[in-house]
């Protein structure tokens, strides 16, 4: 099984990079996981809706350029289903079945996902209705993927 995580933005602090490395190590017995980053674009604090859409479109285009036509894509979207850990594990297995043993998770920029990226997605989910930094979202996703594999393999970890 392969998982690719496409992210807008970069991990800036060492503690996020350490956490990412730890979860990639923990995930290695279950799946080959890779992370690809694209640059985020600056956005003014009081930007118009049109300017925000332009930023989302440009960031989305960078992600779309990295996707192959047949890949199974799951976007993280605050407006979508918010599964618990067991439901996420089951959903992940269904995605692997539909995606031919590879899933691409997409974490958008601070303004969200472009409409084109939302249309490209085969599935979408929300990790929480709370707002997290993109660095934190990446680590939460990695932890939940690890938890899902532990659940699916009936191994201790999930409580």
N, C-alpha and C. Protein backbone atom coordinates (compact mmCIF):
# COMPACT_ATOMS: atom_id res chain seq x y z
N UNK A 1 0.84 -1.17 0.00
CA UNK A 1 0.00 0.00 0.00
C UNK A 1 0.88 1.24 0.00
N UNK A 2 0.41 2.25 -0.75
CA UNK A 2 1.14 3.50 -0.83
C UNK A 2 0.21 4.66 -0.49
N UNK A 3 0.76 5.62 0.23
CA UNK A 3 0.05 6.85 0.56
C UNK A 3 0.97 8.01 0.19
N UNK A 4 0.39 8.93 -0.55
CA UNK A 4 1.11 10.16 -0.87
C UNK A 4 0.32 11.29 -0.24
N UNK A 5 1.01 12.17 0.45
CA UNK A 5 0.36 13.34 1.04
C UNK A 5 0.91 14.56 0.31
N UNK A 6 0.01 15.28 -0.35
CA UNK A 6 0.38 16.51 -1.05
C UNK A 6 -0.08 17.68 -0.19
N UNK A 7 0.85 18.58 0.14
CA UNK A 7 0.57 19.67 1.07
C UNK A 7 0.95 21.01 0.47
N UNK A 8 0.13 22.00 0.75
CA UNK A 8 0.51 23.37 0.47
C UNK A 8 1.25 23.87 1.70
N UNK A 9 2.45 24.36 1.52
CA UNK A 9 3.24 24.88 2.63
C UNK A 9 4.29 23.88 3.11
N UNK A 10 5.17 24.39 3.95
CA UNK A 10 6.31 23.60 4.42
C UNK A 10 6.31 23.57 5.94
N UNK A 11 6.92 22.52 6.49
CA UNK A 11 7.11 22.46 7.94
C UNK A 11 8.26 23.40 8.29
N UNK A 12 7.98 24.36 9.12
CA UNK A 12 8.98 25.39 9.42
C UNK A 12 9.76 25.10 10.70
N UNK A 13 9.09 24.54 11.69
CA UNK A 13 9.74 24.30 12.98
C UNK A 13 10.28 22.88 13.06
N UNK A 14 11.40 22.73 13.76
CA UNK A 14 12.02 21.42 13.92
C UNK A 14 11.10 20.41 14.59
N UNK A 15 10.32 20.84 15.58
CA UNK A 15 9.48 19.88 16.29
C UNK A 15 8.43 19.26 15.39
N UNK A 16 7.95 19.98 14.37
CA UNK A 16 7.03 19.37 13.41
C UNK A 16 7.76 18.36 12.52
N UNK A 17 8.98 18.69 12.13
CA UNK A 17 9.76 17.75 11.30
C UNK A 17 10.08 16.47 12.08
N UNK A 18 10.38 16.61 13.38
CA UNK A 18 10.64 15.44 14.22
C UNK A 18 9.38 14.59 14.34
N UNK A 19 8.25 15.22 14.57
CA UNK A 19 6.98 14.48 14.68
C UNK A 19 6.66 13.77 13.36
N UNK A 20 6.85 14.47 12.24
CA UNK A 20 6.60 13.86 10.94
C UNK A 20 7.49 12.63 10.75
N UNK A 21 8.77 12.75 11.04
CA UNK A 21 9.70 11.63 10.89
C UNK A 21 9.28 10.45 11.76
N UNK A 22 8.83 10.73 12.97
CA UNK A 22 8.39 9.66 13.87
C UNK A 22 7.20 8.91 13.30
N UNK A 23 6.20 9.63 12.80
CA UNK A 23 5.02 8.95 12.25
C UNK A 23 5.33 8.25 10.93
N UNK A 24 6.22 8.80 10.12
CA UNK A 24 6.62 8.09 8.90
C UNK A 24 7.30 6.78 9.26
N UNK A 25 8.12 6.79 10.31
CA UNK A 25 8.78 5.56 10.78
C UNK A 25 7.73 4.56 11.28
N UNK A 26 6.77 5.04 12.07
CA UNK A 26 5.72 4.15 12.59
C UNK A 26 4.85 3.56 11.48
N UNK A 27 4.63 4.33 10.43
CA UNK A 27 3.79 3.88 9.33
C UNK A 27 4.51 2.91 8.39
N UNK A 28 5.83 2.90 8.42
CA UNK A 28 6.60 2.12 7.44
C UNK A 28 6.28 0.62 7.40
N UNK A 29 5.91 -0.04 8.51
CA UNK A 29 5.54 -1.46 8.37
C UNK A 29 4.21 -1.69 7.63
N UNK A 30 3.41 -0.64 7.53
CA UNK A 30 2.07 -0.78 6.95
C UNK A 30 1.95 -0.27 5.52
N UNK A 31 2.67 0.79 5.22
CA UNK A 31 2.53 1.43 3.91
C UNK A 31 3.76 2.25 3.60
N UNK A 32 3.96 2.45 2.32
CA UNK A 32 5.00 3.37 1.85
C UNK A 32 4.36 4.75 1.81
N UNK A 33 4.82 5.65 2.66
CA UNK A 33 4.22 6.98 2.76
C UNK A 33 5.24 8.03 2.31
N UNK A 34 4.79 8.91 1.42
CA UNK A 34 5.65 10.01 0.99
C UNK A 34 4.88 11.32 1.14
N UNK A 35 5.64 12.38 1.32
CA UNK A 35 5.05 13.70 1.48
C UNK A 35 5.69 14.63 0.46
N UNK A 36 4.84 15.34 -0.26
CA UNK A 36 5.31 16.32 -1.24
C UNK A 36 4.69 17.66 -0.89
N UNK A 37 5.51 18.68 -0.91
CA UNK A 37 5.07 20.02 -0.56
C UNK A 37 5.11 20.92 -1.80
N UNK A 38 4.16 21.84 -1.84
CA UNK A 38 4.21 22.92 -2.83
C UNK A 38 4.21 24.23 -2.05
N UNK A 39 4.81 25.24 -2.63
CA UNK A 39 4.88 26.54 -1.95
C UNK A 39 3.48 27.12 -1.76
N UNK A 40 3.26 27.71 -0.59
CA UNK A 40 2.04 28.46 -0.39
C UNK A 40 2.26 29.87 -0.91
N UNK A 41 1.17 30.52 -1.25
CA UNK A 41 1.25 31.87 -1.78
C UNK A 41 0.82 32.87 -0.71
N UNK A 42 1.45 34.03 -0.69
CA UNK A 42 1.04 35.03 0.30
C UNK A 42 -0.36 35.54 0.01
N UNK A 43 -1.06 35.84 1.09
CA UNK A 43 -2.41 36.38 0.98
C UNK A 43 -2.54 37.54 1.95
N UNK A 44 -3.01 38.66 1.47
CA UNK A 44 -3.17 39.83 2.32
C UNK A 44 -4.29 39.60 3.33
N UNK A 45 -4.14 40.20 4.49
CA UNK A 45 -5.12 40.04 5.58
C UNK A 45 -6.53 40.43 5.15
N UNK A 46 -6.67 41.54 4.44
CA UNK A 46 -7.99 42.01 4.02
C UNK A 46 -8.22 41.81 2.53
N UNK A 47 -7.77 40.68 2.02
CA UNK A 47 -7.89 40.40 0.59
C UNK A 47 -9.36 40.24 0.21
N UNK A 48 -9.67 40.64 -1.00
CA UNK A 48 -11.03 40.47 -1.52
C UNK A 48 -11.28 38.99 -1.78
N UNK A 49 -12.54 38.62 -1.93
CA UNK A 49 -12.87 37.23 -2.25
C UNK A 49 -12.23 36.81 -3.57
N UNK A 50 -12.20 37.73 -4.53
CA UNK A 50 -11.58 37.42 -5.83
C UNK A 50 -10.09 37.13 -5.67
N UNK A 51 -9.41 37.90 -4.83
CA UNK A 51 -7.98 37.67 -4.61
C UNK A 51 -7.77 36.34 -3.88
N UNK A 52 -8.62 36.03 -2.93
CA UNK A 52 -8.51 34.75 -2.22
C UNK A 52 -8.74 33.59 -3.17
N UNK A 53 -9.72 33.71 -4.05
CA UNK A 53 -9.98 32.66 -5.04
C UNK A 53 -8.79 32.48 -5.96
N UNK A 54 -8.15 33.57 -6.32
CA UNK A 54 -6.97 33.50 -7.18
C UNK A 54 -5.84 32.73 -6.50
N UNK A 55 -5.63 33.00 -5.20
CA UNK A 55 -4.60 32.27 -4.45
C UNK A 55 -4.95 30.79 -4.38
N UNK A 56 -6.21 30.47 -4.05
CA UNK A 56 -6.63 29.06 -3.97
C UNK A 56 -6.45 28.36 -5.31
N UNK A 57 -6.79 29.06 -6.39
CA UNK A 57 -6.66 28.47 -7.73
C UNK A 57 -5.20 28.20 -8.06
N UNK A 58 -4.32 29.15 -7.78
CA UNK A 58 -2.90 28.96 -8.08
C UNK A 58 -2.30 27.83 -7.24
N UNK A 59 -2.64 27.79 -5.95
CA UNK A 59 -2.14 26.70 -5.11
C UNK A 59 -2.73 25.37 -5.57
N UNK A 60 -4.02 25.37 -5.91
CA UNK A 60 -4.66 24.16 -6.39
C UNK A 60 -4.04 23.66 -7.68
N UNK A 61 -3.68 24.58 -8.57
CA UNK A 61 -3.04 24.19 -9.82
C UNK A 61 -1.70 23.50 -9.57
N UNK A 62 -0.96 23.97 -8.56
CA UNK A 62 0.31 23.33 -8.21
C UNK A 62 0.09 21.89 -7.76
N UNK A 63 -0.96 21.67 -6.97
CA UNK A 63 -1.29 20.31 -6.51
C UNK A 63 -1.77 19.47 -7.69
N UNK A 64 -2.68 20.02 -8.48
CA UNK A 64 -3.22 19.28 -9.63
C UNK A 64 -2.12 18.83 -10.58
N UNK A 65 -1.09 19.64 -10.74
CA UNK A 65 0.02 19.30 -11.64
C UNK A 65 0.79 18.08 -11.14
N UNK A 66 0.69 17.76 -9.86
CA UNK A 66 1.40 16.62 -9.29
C UNK A 66 0.55 15.34 -9.27
N UNK A 67 -0.72 15.45 -9.68
CA UNK A 67 -1.61 14.29 -9.67
C UNK A 67 -1.63 13.60 -11.03
N UNK A 68 -1.64 12.28 -10.98
CA UNK A 68 -1.81 11.49 -12.20
C UNK A 68 -3.30 11.23 -12.40
N UNK A 69 -3.74 11.07 -13.64
CA UNK A 69 -5.18 10.95 -13.91
C UNK A 69 -5.89 9.80 -13.18
N UNK A 70 -5.20 8.70 -12.95
CA UNK A 70 -5.87 7.54 -12.36
C UNK A 70 -5.72 7.44 -10.84
N UNK A 71 -5.08 8.42 -10.20
CA UNK A 71 -4.86 8.33 -8.75
C UNK A 71 -6.15 8.59 -7.97
N UNK A 72 -6.28 7.87 -6.86
CA UNK A 72 -7.41 8.08 -5.96
C UNK A 72 -7.04 9.21 -5.02
N UNK A 73 -7.81 10.29 -5.06
CA UNK A 73 -7.49 11.51 -4.30
C UNK A 73 -8.54 11.74 -3.22
N UNK A 74 -8.04 11.96 -2.01
CA UNK A 74 -8.90 12.31 -0.87
C UNK A 74 -8.45 13.67 -0.33
N UNK A 75 -9.32 14.65 -0.42
CA UNK A 75 -8.98 15.98 0.08
C UNK A 75 -9.43 16.13 1.53
N UNK A 76 -8.70 16.94 2.26
CA UNK A 76 -9.12 17.32 3.61
C UNK A 76 -9.89 18.62 3.47
N UNK A 77 -11.14 18.59 3.91
CA UNK A 77 -12.06 19.70 3.68
C UNK A 77 -12.94 19.87 4.91
N UNK A 78 -12.88 21.03 5.53
CA UNK A 78 -13.65 21.28 6.75
C UNK A 78 -15.15 21.06 6.58
N UNK A 79 -15.66 21.20 5.37
CA UNK A 79 -17.09 21.10 5.13
C UNK A 79 -17.57 19.66 4.93
N UNK A 80 -16.69 18.70 5.02
CA UNK A 80 -17.06 17.31 4.73
C UNK A 80 -17.23 16.48 5.99
N UNK A 81 -17.49 15.18 5.76
CA UNK A 81 -17.71 14.21 6.83
C UNK A 81 -16.54 14.21 7.81
N UNK A 82 -16.87 14.09 9.08
CA UNK A 82 -15.87 14.06 10.15
C UNK A 82 -15.96 12.69 10.84
N UNK A 83 -15.27 11.69 10.30
CA UNK A 83 -15.39 10.34 10.88
C UNK A 83 -14.63 10.22 12.20
N UNK A 84 -15.05 9.24 13.02
CA UNK A 84 -14.23 8.90 14.18
C UNK A 84 -13.11 7.99 13.68
N UNK A 85 -12.23 7.58 14.57
CA UNK A 85 -11.04 6.83 14.14
C UNK A 85 -11.39 5.48 13.53
N UNK A 86 -12.37 4.79 14.07
CA UNK A 86 -12.75 3.48 13.52
C UNK A 86 -13.39 3.67 12.14
N UNK A 87 -14.25 4.66 11.99
CA UNK A 87 -14.86 4.92 10.69
C UNK A 87 -13.80 5.33 9.67
N UNK A 88 -12.80 6.10 10.11
CA UNK A 88 -11.72 6.49 9.19
C UNK A 88 -10.93 5.27 8.74
N UNK A 89 -10.65 4.35 9.65
CA UNK A 89 -9.93 3.13 9.28
C UNK A 89 -10.71 2.35 8.21
N UNK A 90 -12.01 2.21 8.41
CA UNK A 90 -12.84 1.50 7.44
C UNK A 90 -12.91 2.25 6.11
N UNK A 91 -13.03 3.56 6.19
CA UNK A 91 -13.07 4.37 4.97
C UNK A 91 -11.75 4.26 4.21
N UNK A 92 -10.65 4.23 4.95
CA UNK A 92 -9.34 4.12 4.32
C UNK A 92 -9.23 2.80 3.56
N UNK A 93 -9.71 1.71 4.13
CA UNK A 93 -9.66 0.42 3.43
C UNK A 93 -10.49 0.46 2.16
N UNK A 94 -11.65 1.10 2.21
CA UNK A 94 -12.48 1.24 1.00
C UNK A 94 -11.75 2.08 -0.05
N UNK A 95 -11.06 3.14 0.40
CA UNK A 95 -10.31 3.97 -0.54
C UNK A 95 -9.19 3.17 -1.19
N UNK A 96 -8.50 2.33 -0.40
CA UNK A 96 -7.44 1.50 -0.98
C UNK A 96 -8.02 0.53 -2.00
N UNK A 97 -9.17 -0.02 -1.72
CA UNK A 97 -9.81 -0.95 -2.66
C UNK A 97 -10.16 -0.23 -3.95
N UNK A 98 -10.71 0.96 -3.82
CA UNK A 98 -11.12 1.72 -5.01
C UNK A 98 -9.92 2.33 -5.72
N UNK A 99 -8.85 2.62 -4.98
CA UNK A 99 -7.71 3.33 -5.55
C UNK A 99 -6.57 2.45 -6.00
N UNK A 100 -6.73 1.15 -5.95
CA UNK A 100 -5.67 0.27 -6.42
C UNK A 100 -4.44 0.31 -5.54
N UNK A 101 -4.62 0.30 -4.24
CA UNK A 101 -3.54 0.25 -3.24
C UNK A 101 -2.74 1.54 -3.12
N UNK A 102 -3.26 2.65 -3.67
CA UNK A 102 -2.59 3.94 -3.47
C UNK A 102 -3.65 5.02 -3.25
N UNK A 103 -3.41 5.82 -2.23
CA UNK A 103 -4.28 6.97 -1.92
C UNK A 103 -3.41 8.21 -1.88
N UNK A 104 -3.93 9.29 -2.42
CA UNK A 104 -3.27 10.58 -2.31
C UNK A 104 -4.16 11.46 -1.44
N UNK A 105 -3.62 11.89 -0.30
CA UNK A 105 -4.32 12.84 0.56
C UNK A 105 -3.82 14.23 0.23
N UNK A 106 -4.74 15.20 0.18
CA UNK A 106 -4.38 16.57 -0.16
C UNK A 106 -4.75 17.51 0.99
N UNK A 107 -3.77 18.28 1.44
CA UNK A 107 -3.97 19.32 2.44
C UNK A 107 -3.79 20.65 1.73
N UNK A 108 -4.85 21.43 1.64
CA UNK A 108 -4.80 22.70 0.93
C UNK A 108 -4.10 23.78 1.73
N UNK A 109 -4.13 24.98 1.19
CA UNK A 109 -3.50 26.13 1.83
C UNK A 109 -4.40 26.74 2.90
N UNK A 110 -3.97 27.85 3.46
CA UNK A 110 -4.69 28.48 4.56
C UNK A 110 -6.07 28.98 4.16
N UNK A 111 -6.28 29.20 2.87
CA UNK A 111 -7.59 29.66 2.39
C UNK A 111 -8.49 28.51 1.98
N UNK A 112 -7.96 27.30 1.96
CA UNK A 112 -8.76 26.14 1.58
C UNK A 112 -8.39 25.60 0.22
N UNK A 113 -9.32 24.88 -0.37
CA UNK A 113 -9.11 24.17 -1.63
C UNK A 113 -9.77 24.89 -2.79
N UNK A 114 -9.14 24.84 -3.94
CA UNK A 114 -9.75 25.42 -5.14
C UNK A 114 -10.92 24.54 -5.59
N UNK A 115 -11.81 25.13 -6.35
CA UNK A 115 -12.95 24.37 -6.86
C UNK A 115 -12.49 23.24 -7.78
N UNK A 116 -11.44 23.48 -8.55
CA UNK A 116 -10.92 22.45 -9.46
C UNK A 116 -10.38 21.26 -8.67
N UNK A 117 -9.73 21.53 -7.56
CA UNK A 117 -9.20 20.46 -6.72
C UNK A 117 -10.33 19.69 -6.06
N UNK A 118 -11.36 20.39 -5.61
CA UNK A 118 -12.52 19.71 -5.02
C UNK A 118 -13.20 18.80 -6.05
N UNK A 119 -13.28 19.26 -7.29
CA UNK A 119 -13.89 18.45 -8.35
C UNK A 119 -13.05 17.21 -8.66
N UNK A 120 -11.74 17.33 -8.55
CA UNK A 120 -10.83 16.22 -8.86
C UNK A 120 -10.88 15.13 -7.80
N UNK A 121 -11.28 15.47 -6.59
CA UNK A 121 -11.25 14.52 -5.47
C UNK A 121 -12.23 13.37 -5.69
N UNK A 122 -11.76 12.17 -5.33
CA UNK A 122 -12.62 11.00 -5.32
C UNK A 122 -13.34 10.86 -3.99
N UNK A 123 -12.75 11.46 -2.96
CA UNK A 123 -13.32 11.42 -1.61
C UNK A 123 -12.83 12.65 -0.86
N UNK A 124 -13.55 13.01 0.19
CA UNK A 124 -13.15 14.13 1.04
C UNK A 124 -13.53 13.81 2.46
N UNK A 125 -12.77 14.34 3.39
CA UNK A 125 -13.11 14.17 4.80
C UNK A 125 -12.57 15.33 5.60
N UNK A 126 -13.09 15.48 6.79
CA UNK A 126 -12.62 16.50 7.72
C UNK A 126 -12.00 15.80 8.92
N UNK A 127 -10.88 16.30 9.38
CA UNK A 127 -10.27 15.75 10.59
C UNK A 127 -10.91 16.32 11.84
N UNK A 128 -11.51 17.50 11.72
CA UNK A 128 -12.15 18.16 12.85
C UNK A 128 -12.82 19.43 12.34
N UNK A 129 -13.79 19.90 13.09
CA UNK A 129 -14.39 21.20 12.78
C UNK A 129 -13.53 22.32 13.36
N UNK A 130 -12.55 21.96 14.19
CA UNK A 130 -11.63 22.95 14.72
C UNK A 130 -10.65 23.39 13.64
N UNK A 131 -10.08 24.56 13.80
CA UNK A 131 -9.08 25.06 12.87
C UNK A 131 -7.69 24.75 13.41
N UNK A 132 -6.86 24.13 12.56
CA UNK A 132 -5.48 23.80 12.93
C UNK A 132 -4.54 24.46 11.93
N UNK A 133 -3.30 24.68 12.34
CA UNK A 133 -2.30 25.13 11.38
C UNK A 133 -2.06 23.99 10.38
N UNK A 134 -1.50 24.33 9.24
CA UNK A 134 -1.25 23.29 8.24
C UNK A 134 -0.19 22.31 8.71
N UNK A 135 0.77 22.80 9.48
CA UNK A 135 1.78 21.91 10.01
C UNK A 135 1.13 20.90 10.96
N UNK A 136 0.25 21.38 11.81
CA UNK A 136 -0.44 20.51 12.77
C UNK A 136 -1.36 19.53 12.04
N UNK A 137 -2.04 20.01 11.02
CA UNK A 137 -2.94 19.15 10.25
C UNK A 137 -2.19 17.96 9.65
N UNK A 138 -1.01 18.23 9.15
CA UNK A 138 -0.21 17.15 8.56
C UNK A 138 0.11 16.08 9.60
N UNK A 139 0.51 16.51 10.80
CA UNK A 139 0.86 15.57 11.85
C UNK A 139 -0.38 14.82 12.33
N UNK A 140 -1.50 15.51 12.46
CA UNK A 140 -2.74 14.85 12.86
C UNK A 140 -3.14 13.80 11.83
N UNK A 141 -3.03 14.13 10.55
CA UNK A 141 -3.34 13.15 9.50
C UNK A 141 -2.42 11.94 9.62
N UNK A 142 -1.13 12.16 9.77
CA UNK A 142 -0.19 11.04 9.90
C UNK A 142 -0.55 10.17 11.12
N UNK A 143 -0.86 10.81 12.24
CA UNK A 143 -1.21 10.04 13.44
C UNK A 143 -2.48 9.24 13.21
N UNK A 144 -3.47 9.82 12.56
CA UNK A 144 -4.73 9.11 12.31
C UNK A 144 -4.54 7.98 11.30
N UNK A 145 -3.65 8.15 10.33
CA UNK A 145 -3.35 7.05 9.42
C UNK A 145 -2.69 5.90 10.17
N UNK A 146 -1.76 6.23 11.04
CA UNK A 146 -1.11 5.20 11.87
C UNK A 146 -2.15 4.49 12.74
N UNK A 147 -3.01 5.26 13.37
CA UNK A 147 -4.07 4.69 14.22
C UNK A 147 -4.97 3.78 13.38
N UNK A 148 -5.30 4.20 12.16
CA UNK A 148 -6.15 3.39 11.29
C UNK A 148 -5.52 2.04 10.98
N UNK A 149 -4.24 2.05 10.65
CA UNK A 149 -3.56 0.78 10.37
C UNK A 149 -3.54 -0.11 11.61
N UNK A 150 -3.32 0.47 12.77
CA UNK A 150 -3.31 -0.33 14.00
C UNK A 150 -4.70 -0.93 14.25
N UNK A 151 -5.74 -0.16 14.02
CA UNK A 151 -7.11 -0.66 14.18
C UNK A 151 -7.36 -1.80 13.20
N UNK A 152 -7.02 -1.60 11.94
CA UNK A 152 -7.28 -2.60 10.90
C UNK A 152 -6.49 -3.89 11.13
N UNK A 153 -5.36 -3.79 11.78
CA UNK A 153 -4.53 -4.96 12.06
C UNK A 153 -4.76 -5.52 13.46
N UNK A 154 -5.78 -5.01 14.13
CA UNK A 154 -6.14 -5.48 15.49
C UNK A 154 -4.96 -5.43 16.43
N UNK A 155 -4.17 -4.38 16.33
CA UNK A 155 -3.01 -4.19 17.18
C UNK A 155 -3.31 -3.14 18.24
N UNK A 156 -2.70 -3.27 19.40
CA UNK A 156 -2.96 -2.27 20.45
C UNK A 156 -2.41 -0.91 20.07
N UNK A 157 -3.14 0.10 20.37
CA UNK A 157 -2.76 1.50 20.24
C UNK A 157 -4.03 2.33 20.42
N UNK A 158 -5.06 1.97 19.69
CA UNK A 158 -6.31 2.73 19.74
C UNK A 158 -7.06 2.42 21.03
N UNK A 159 -7.40 3.45 21.76
CA UNK A 159 -8.18 3.26 22.99
C UNK A 159 -9.29 4.26 23.02
